[in-house]
Amino acid sequence: MQQPLPFDPNIYYGIVAENLLKNFGSHAFFMSDQALQKMKALGDDEGFDIWLSIHEHLNAKATEAIVGEEAVLH
């Protein structure tokens, strides 16, 4: 089980997501999915949780790009 961290790792996961999108475009989603599958197959719960957070940031950034930050979804 992952120990509590003295900082918010979400900031870093967001940076990783931004860099993946910048460097690999839409292929970043495929890479993230592959990493999730690998972590699950290895039984690496901590790695899986990290990649799941990165994947969530990728989805959020893609949604912002498509919908826009100012749009309101009902």
PDB file of N, CA and C in Angstrom:
ATOM      1  N   MET A   1       0.843  -1.184   0.000  1.00  0.00           N
ATOM      2  CA  MET A   1       0.000   0.000   0.000  1.00  0.00           C
ATOM      3  C   MET A   1       0.884   1.242   0.000  1.00  0.00           C
ATOM      4  N   GLN A   2       0.474   2.216  -0.769  1.00  0.00           N
ATOM      5  CA  GLN A   2       1.248   3.440  -0.905  1.00  0.00           C
ATOM      6  C   GLN A   2       1.149   4.272   0.368  1.00  0.00           C
ATOM      7  N   GLN A   3       2.286   4.779   0.832  1.00  0.00           N
ATOM      8  CA  GLN A   3       2.333   5.616   2.021  1.00  0.00           C
ATOM      9  C   GLN A   3       1.864   7.028   1.678  1.00  0.00           C
ATOM     10  N   PRO A   4       1.243   7.713   2.640  1.00  0.00           N
ATOM     11  CA  PRO A   4       0.836   9.104   2.385  1.00  0.00           C
ATOM     12  C   PRO A   4       2.050   9.954   2.018  1.00  0.00           C
ATOM     13  N   LEU A   5       1.872  10.801   1.049  1.00  0.00           N
ATOM     14  CA  LEU A   5       2.962  11.644   0.582  1.00  0.00           C
ATOM     15  C   LEU A   5       2.834  13.044   1.181  1.00  0.00           C
ATOM     16  N   PRO A   6       3.962  13.703   1.478  1.00  0.00           N
ATOM     17  CA  PRO A   6       3.906  15.040   2.064  1.00  0.00           C
ATOM     18  C   PRO A   6       3.625  16.138   1.030  1.00  0.00           C
ATOM     19  N   PHE A   7       3.318  15.762  -0.188  1.00  0.00           N
ATOM     20  CA  PHE A   7       3.025  16.726  -1.246  1.00  0.00           C
ATOM     21  C   PHE A   7       1.911  16.161  -2.112  1.00  0.00           C
ATOM     22  N   ASP A   8       1.359  16.998  -2.954  1.00  0.00           N
ATOM     23  CA  ASP A   8       0.274  16.572  -3.839  1.00  0.00           C
ATOM     24  C   ASP A   8       0.866  16.079  -5.156  1.00  0.00           C
ATOM     25  N   PRO A   9       0.843  14.760  -5.390  1.00  0.00           N
ATOM     26  CA  PRO A   9       1.442  14.230  -6.619  1.00  0.00           C
ATOM     27  C   PRO A   9       0.643  14.570  -7.876  1.00  0.00           C
ATOM     28  N   ASN A  10      -0.600  15.034  -7.721  1.00  0.00           N
ATOM     29  CA  ASN A  10      -1.418  15.367  -8.891  1.00  0.00           C
ATOM     30  C   ASN A  10      -0.771  16.432  -9.760  1.00  0.00           C
ATOM     31  N   ILE A  11      -0.029  17.326  -9.146  1.00  0.00           N
ATOM     32  CA  ILE A  11       0.678  18.357  -9.915  1.00  0.00           C
ATOM     33  C   ILE A  11       1.647  17.688 -10.895  1.00  0.00           C
ATOM     34  N   TYR A  12       2.369  16.700 -10.415  1.00  0.00           N
ATOM     35  CA  TYR A  12       3.351  16.008 -11.250  1.00  0.00           C
ATOM     36  C   TYR A  12       2.677  15.139 -12.307  1.00  0.00           C
ATOM     37  N   TYR A  13       1.556  14.509 -11.944  1.00  0.00           N
ATOM     38  CA  TYR A  13       0.825  13.703 -12.920  1.00  0.00           C
ATOM     39  C   TYR A  13       0.314  14.588 -14.054  1.00  0.00           C
ATOM     40  N   GLY A  14      -0.103  15.800 -13.717  1.00  0.00           N
ATOM     41  CA  GLY A  14      -0.537  16.741 -14.740  1.00  0.00           C
ATOM     42  C   GLY A  14       0.600  17.135 -15.666  1.00  0.00           C
ATOM     43  N   ILE A  15       1.779  17.327 -15.100  1.00  0.00           N
ATOM     44  CA  ILE A  15       2.952  17.666 -15.913  1.00  0.00           C
ATOM     45  C   ILE A  15       3.299  16.509 -16.841  1.00  0.00           C
ATOM     46  N   VAL A  16       3.249  15.288 -16.320  1.00  0.00           N
ATOM     47  CA  VAL A  16       3.517  14.110 -17.149  1.00  0.00           C
ATOM     48  C   VAL A  16       2.509  14.032 -18.284  1.00  0.00           C
ATOM     49  N   ALA A  17       1.227  14.249 -17.973  1.00  0.00           N
ATOM     50  CA  ALA A  17       0.182  14.197 -18.999  1.00  0.00           C
ATOM     51  C   ALA A  17       0.424  15.256 -20.073  1.00  0.00           C
ATOM     52  N   GLU A  18       0.767  16.474 -19.663  1.00  0.00           N
ATOM     53  CA  GLU A  18       1.050  17.541 -20.629  1.00  0.00           C
ATOM     54  C   GLU A  18       2.214  17.158 -21.539  1.00  0.00           C
ATOM     55  N   ASN A  19       3.271  16.617 -20.948  1.00  0.00           N
ATOM     56  CA  ASN A  19       4.440  16.230 -21.743  1.00  0.00           C
ATOM     57  C   ASN A  19       4.124  15.081 -22.694  1.00  0.00           C
ATOM     58  N   LEU A  20       3.341  14.110 -22.239  1.00  0.00           N
ATOM     59  CA  LEU A  20       2.950  13.013 -23.126  1.00  0.00           C
ATOM     60  C   LEU A  20       2.155  13.540 -24.316  1.00  0.00           C
ATOM     61  N   LEU A  21       1.200  14.436 -24.051  1.00  0.00           N
ATOM     62  CA  LEU A  21       0.397  14.997 -25.145  1.00  0.00           C
ATOM     63  C   LEU A  21       1.253  15.830 -26.088  1.00  0.00           C
ATOM     64  N   LYS A  22       2.165  16.619 -25.512  1.00  0.00           N
ATOM     65  CA  LYS A  22       3.029  17.468 -26.337  1.00  0.00           C
ATOM     66  C   LYS A  22       3.944  16.626 -27.223  1.00  0.00           C
ATOM     67  N   ASN A  23       4.486  15.559 -26.667  1.00  0.00           N
ATOM     68  CA  ASN A  23       5.462  14.750 -27.395  1.00  0.00           C
ATOM     69  C   ASN A  23       4.852  13.678 -28.288  1.00  0.00           C
ATOM     70  N   PHE A  24       3.664  13.162 -27.919  1.00  0.00           N
ATOM     71  CA  PHE A  24       3.107  12.027 -28.647  1.00  0.00           C
ATOM     72  C   PHE A  24       1.698  12.250 -29.184  1.00  0.00           C
ATOM     73  N   GLY A  25       1.094  13.387 -28.891  1.00  0.00           N
ATOM     74  CA  GLY A  25      -0.255  13.671 -29.382  1.00  0.00           C
ATOM     75  C   GLY A  25      -1.250  12.635 -28.895  1.00  0.00           C
ATOM     76  N   SER A  26      -2.164  12.254 -29.768  1.00  0.00           N
ATOM     77  CA  SER A  26      -3.215  11.310 -29.381  1.00  0.00           C
ATOM     78  C   SER A  26      -2.656   9.921 -29.057  1.00  0.00           C
ATOM     79  N   HIS A  27      -1.439   9.635 -29.509  1.00  0.00           N
ATOM     80  CA  HIS A  27      -0.805   8.348 -29.191  1.00  0.00           C
ATOM     81  C   HIS A  27      -0.532   8.221 -27.683  1.00  0.00           C
ATOM     82  N   ALA A  28      -0.539   9.345 -26.970  1.00  0.00           N
ATOM     83  CA  ALA A  28      -0.329   9.325 -25.519  1.00  0.00           C
ATOM     84  C   ALA A  28      -1.397   8.499 -24.816  1.00  0.00           C
ATOM     85  N   PHE A  29      -2.621   8.499 -25.351  1.00  0.00           N
ATOM     86  CA  PHE A  29      -3.695   7.706 -24.749  1.00  0.00           C
ATOM     87  C   PHE A  29      -3.414   6.213 -24.897  1.00  0.00           C
ATOM     88  N   PHE A  30      -2.930   5.820 -26.055  1.00  0.00           N
ATOM     89  CA  PHE A  30      -2.566   4.421 -26.276  1.00  0.00           C
ATOM     90  C   PHE A  30      -1.441   4.016 -25.328  1.00  0.00           C
ATOM     91  N   MET A  31      -0.440   4.875 -25.189  1.00  0.00           N
ATOM     92  CA  MET A  31       0.680   4.586 -24.305  1.00  0.00           C
ATOM     93  C   MET A  31       0.221   4.448 -22.860  1.00  0.00           C
ATOM     94  N   SER A  32      -0.675   5.313 -22.450  1.00  0.00           N
ATOM     95  CA  SER A  32      -1.209   5.253 -21.092  1.00  0.00           C
ATOM     96  C   SER A  32      -1.997   3.968 -20.871  1.00  0.00           C
ATOM     97  N   ASP A  33      -2.807   3.595 -21.851  1.00  0.00           N
ATOM     98  CA  ASP A  33      -3.561   2.337 -21.753  1.00  0.00           C
ATOM     99  C   ASP A  33      -2.617   1.141 -21.653  1.00  0.00           C
ATOM    100  N   GLN A  34      -1.549   1.160 -22.448  1.00  0.00           N
ATOM    101  CA  GLN A  34      -0.569   0.068 -22.405  1.00  0.00           C
ATOM    102  C   GLN A  34       0.094  -0.015 -21.030  1.00  0.00           C
ATOM    103  N   ALA A  35       0.426   1.143 -20.474  1.00  0.00           N
ATOM    104  CA  ALA A  35       1.054   1.170 -19.151  1.00  0.00           C
ATOM    105  C   ALA A  35       0.098   0.629 -18.088  1.00  0.00           C
ATOM    106  N   LEU A  36      -1.181   0.991 -18.186  1.00  0.00           N
ATOM    107  CA  LEU A  36      -2.173   0.470 -17.238  1.00  0.00           C
ATOM    108  C   LEU A  36      -2.281  -1.046 -17.333  1.00  0.00           C
ATOM    109  N   GLN A  37      -2.328  -1.554 -18.555  1.00  0.00           N
ATOM    110  CA  GLN A  37      -2.415  -3.006 -18.740  1.00  0.00           C
ATOM    111  C   GLN A  37      -1.179  -3.712 -18.181  1.00  0.00           C
ATOM    112  N   LYS A  38      -0.010  -3.122 -18.403  1.00  0.00           N
ATOM    113  CA  LYS A  38       1.226  -3.731 -17.920  1.00  0.00           C
ATOM    114  C   LYS A  38       1.270  -3.742 -16.398  1.00  0.00           C
ATOM    115  N   MET A  39       0.897  -2.631 -15.768  1.00  0.00           N
ATOM    116  CA  MET A  39       0.906  -2.562 -14.307  1.00  0.00           C
ATOM    117  C   MET A  39      -0.073  -3.564 -13.705  1.00  0.00           C
ATOM    118  N   LYS A  40      -1.231  -3.698 -14.347  1.00  0.00           N
ATOM    119  CA  LYS A  40      -2.222  -4.658 -13.862  1.00  0.00           C
ATOM    120  C   LYS A  40      -1.698  -6.085 -14.004  1.00  0.00           C
ATOM    121  N   ALA A  41      -1.083  -6.389 -15.140  1.00  0.00           N
ATOM    122  CA  ALA A  41      -0.546  -7.733 -15.377  1.00  0.00           C
ATOM    123  C   ALA A  41       0.578  -8.067 -14.398  1.00  0.00           C
ATOM    124  N   LEU A  42       1.366  -7.060 -14.029  1.00  0.00           N
ATOM    125  CA  LEU A  42       2.463  -7.270 -13.091  1.00  0.00           C
ATOM    126  C   LEU A  42       1.987  -7.310 -11.639  1.00  0.00           C
ATOM    127  N   GLY A  43       0.738  -6.912 -11.425  1.00  0.00           N
ATOM    128  CA  GLY A  43       0.229  -6.837 -10.059  1.00  0.00           C
ATOM    129  C   GLY A  43       0.801  -5.658  -9.292  1.00  0.00           C
ATOM    130  N   ASP A  44       1.230  -4.638 -10.025  1.00  0.00           N
ATOM    131  CA  ASP A  44       1.838  -3.447  -9.427  1.00  0.00           C
ATOM    132  C   ASP A  44       0.737  -2.426  -9.142  1.00  0.00           C
ATOM    133  N   ASP A  45       0.159  -2.504  -7.950  1.00  0.00           N
ATOM    134  CA  ASP A  45      -0.955  -1.625  -7.602  1.00  0.00           C
ATOM    135  C   ASP A  45      -0.543  -0.159  -7.548  1.00  0.00           C
ATOM    136  N   GLU A  46       0.647   0.117  -7.026  1.00  0.00           N
ATOM    137  CA  GLU A  46       1.113   1.495  -6.939  1.00  0.00           C
ATOM    138  C   GLU A  46       1.337   2.079  -8.334  1.00  0.00           C
ATOM    139  N   GLY A  47       1.991   1.313  -9.206  1.00  0.00           N
ATOM    140  CA  GLY A  47       2.197   1.759 -10.581  1.00  0.00           C
ATOM    141  C   GLY A  47       0.886   1.945 -11.315  1.00  0.00           C
ATOM    142  N   PHE A  48      -0.065   1.037 -11.066  1.00  0.00           N
ATOM    143  CA  PHE A  48      -1.380   1.147 -11.693  1.00  0.00           C
ATOM    144  C   PHE A  48      -2.065   2.439 -11.259  1.00  0.00           C
ATOM    145  N   ASP A  49      -2.017   2.738  -9.953  1.00  0.00           N
ATOM    146  CA  ASP A  49      -2.646   3.960  -9.449  1.00  0.00           C
ATOM    147  C   ASP A  49      -2.005   5.210 -10.043  1.00  0.00           C
ATOM    148  N   ILE A  50      -0.691   5.191 -10.185  1.00  0.00           N
ATOM    149  CA  ILE A  50       0.011   6.336 -10.773  1.00  0.00           C
ATOM    150  C   ILE A  50      -0.427   6.536 -12.223  1.00  0.00           C
ATOM    151  N   TRP A  51      -0.426   5.460 -13.013  1.00  0.00           N
ATOM    152  CA  TRP A  51      -0.816   5.580 -14.417  1.00  0.00           C
ATOM    153  C   TRP A  51      -2.296   5.896 -14.571  1.00  0.00           C
ATOM    154  N   LEU A  52      -3.116   5.438 -13.636  1.00  0.00           N
ATOM    155  CA  LEU A  52      -4.531   5.785 -13.679  1.00  0.00           C
ATOM    156  C   LEU A  52      -4.707   7.286 -13.471  1.00  0.00           C
ATOM    157  N   SER A  53      -3.949   7.859 -12.561  1.00  0.00           N
ATOM    158  CA  SER A  53      -4.006   9.305 -12.343  1.00  0.00           C
ATOM    159  C   SER A  53      -3.521  10.066 -13.571  1.00  0.00           C
ATOM    160  N   ILE A  54      -2.454   9.590 -14.191  1.00  0.00           N
ATOM    161  CA  ILE A  54      -1.955  10.228 -15.414  1.00  0.00           C
ATOM    162  C   ILE A  54      -3.009  10.139 -16.509  1.00  0.00           C
ATOM    163  N   HIS A  55      -3.649   8.986 -16.631  1.00  0.00           N
ATOM    164  CA  HIS A  55      -4.699   8.790 -17.638  1.00  0.00           C
ATOM    165  C   HIS A  55      -5.861   9.759 -17.397  1.00  0.00           C
ATOM    166  N   GLU A  56      -6.230   9.953 -16.134  1.00  0.00           N
ATOM    167  CA  GLU A  56      -7.302  10.899 -15.807  1.00  0.00           C
ATOM    168  C   GLU A  56      -6.917  12.318 -16.219  1.00  0.00           C
ATOM    169  N   HIS A  57      -5.661  12.688 -15.999  1.00  0.00           N
ATOM    170  CA  HIS A  57      -5.195  14.015 -16.415  1.00  0.00           C
ATOM    171  C   HIS A  57      -5.197  14.142 -17.936  1.00  0.00           C
ATOM    172  N   LEU A  58      -4.823  13.082 -18.638  1.00  0.00           N
ATOM    173  CA  LEU A  58      -4.876  13.104 -20.105  1.00  0.00           C
ATOM    174  C   LEU A  58      -6.301  13.358 -20.581  1.00  0.00           C
ATOM    175  N   ASN A  59      -7.257  12.653 -19.990  1.00  0.00           N
ATOM    176  CA  ASN A  59      -8.658  12.831 -20.370  1.00  0.00           C
ATOM    177  C   ASN A  59      -9.143  14.239 -20.070  1.00  0.00           C
ATOM    178  N   ALA A  60      -8.763  14.777 -18.920  1.00  0.00           N
ATOM    179  CA  ALA A  60      -9.181  16.131 -18.557  1.00  0.00           C
ATOM    180  C   ALA A  60      -8.609  17.155 -19.532  1.00  0.00           C
ATOM    181  N   LYS A  61      -7.340  16.997 -19.890  1.00  0.00           N
ATOM    182  CA  LYS A  61      -6.716  17.943 -20.820  1.00  0.00           C
ATOM    183  C   LYS A  61      -7.312  17.830 -22.219  1.00  0.00           C
ATOM    184  N   ALA A  62      -7.640  16.625 -22.647  1.00  0.00           N
ATOM    185  CA  ALA A  62      -8.281  16.443 -23.948  1.00  0.00           C
ATOM    186  C   ALA A  62      -9.675  17.053 -23.944  1.00  0.00           C
ATOM    187  N   THR A  63     -10.398  16.891 -22.853  1.00  0.00           N
ATOM    188  CA  THR A  63     -11.739  17.476 -22.744  1.00  0.00           C
ATOM    189  C   THR A  63     -11.665  18.994 -22.785  1.00  0.00           C
ATOM    190  N   GLU A  64     -10.687  19.575 -22.075  1.00  0.00           N
ATOM    191  CA  GLU A  64     -10.502  21.027 -22.102  1.00  0.00           C
ATOM    192  C   GLU A  64     -10.225  21.511 -23.520  1.00  0.00           C
ATOM    193  N   ALA A  65      -9.420  20.769 -24.256  1.00  0.00           N
ATOM    194  CA  ALA A  65      -9.064  21.165 -25.619  1.00  0.00           C
ATOM    195  C   ALA A  65     -10.266  21.095 -26.549  1.00  0.00           C
ATOM    196  N   ILE A  66     -11.125  20.100 -26.335  1.00  0.00           N
ATOM    197  CA  ILE A  66     -12.280  19.917 -27.214  1.00  0.00           C
ATOM    198  C   ILE A  66     -13.423  20.844 -26.830  1.00  0.00           C
ATOM    199  N   VAL A  67     -13.756  20.856 -25.552  1.00  0.00           N
ATOM    200  CA  VAL A  67     -14.923  21.605 -25.080  1.00  0.00           C
ATOM    201  C   VAL A  67     -14.553  23.038 -24.746  1.00  0.00           C
ATOM    202  N   GLY A  68     -13.373  23.244 -24.242  1.00  0.00           N
ATOM    203  CA  GLY A  68     -12.953  24.563 -23.809  1.00  0.00           C
ATOM    204  C   GLY A  68     -13.127  24.695 -22.308  1.00  0.00           C
ATOM    205  N   GLU A  69     -12.309  25.519 -21.713  1.00  0.00           N
ATOM    206  CA  GLU A  69     -12.352  25.676 -20.268  1.00  0.00           C
ATOM    207  C   GLU A  69     -13.566  26.470 -19.810  1.00  0.00           C
ATOM    208  N   GLU A  70     -14.093  27.326 -20.652  1.00  0.00           N
ATOM    209  CA  GLU A  70     -15.198  28.193 -20.264  1.00  0.00           C
ATOM    210  C   GLU A  70     -16.562  27.577 -20.515  1.00  0.00           C
ATOM    211  N   ALA A  71     -16.621  26.478 -21.235  1.00  0.00           N
ATOM    212  CA  ALA A  71     -17.907  25.853 -21.554  1.00  0.00           C
ATOM    213  C   ALA A  71     -18.515  25.224 -20.307  1.00  0.00           C
ATOM    214  N   VAL A  72     -19.843  25.254 -20.249  1.00  0.00           N
ATOM    215  CA  VAL A  72     -20.567  24.653 -19.137  1.00  0.00           C
ATOM    216  C   VAL A  72     -21.327  23.456 -19.674  1.00  0.00           C
ATOM    217  N   LEU A  73     -21.076  22.300 -19.084  1.00  0.00           N
ATOM    218  CA  LEU A  73     -21.782  21.092 -19.486  1.00  0.00           C
ATOM    219  C   LEU A  73     -22.989  20.900 -18.588  1.00  0.00           C
ATOM    220  N   HIS A  74     -24.138  20.609 -19.198  1.00  0.00           N
ATOM    221  CA  HIS A  74     -25.367  20.394 -18.419  1.00  0.00           C
ATOM    222  C   HIS A  74     -25.758  18.958 -18.463  1.00  0.00           C
TER     223      HIS A  74
END
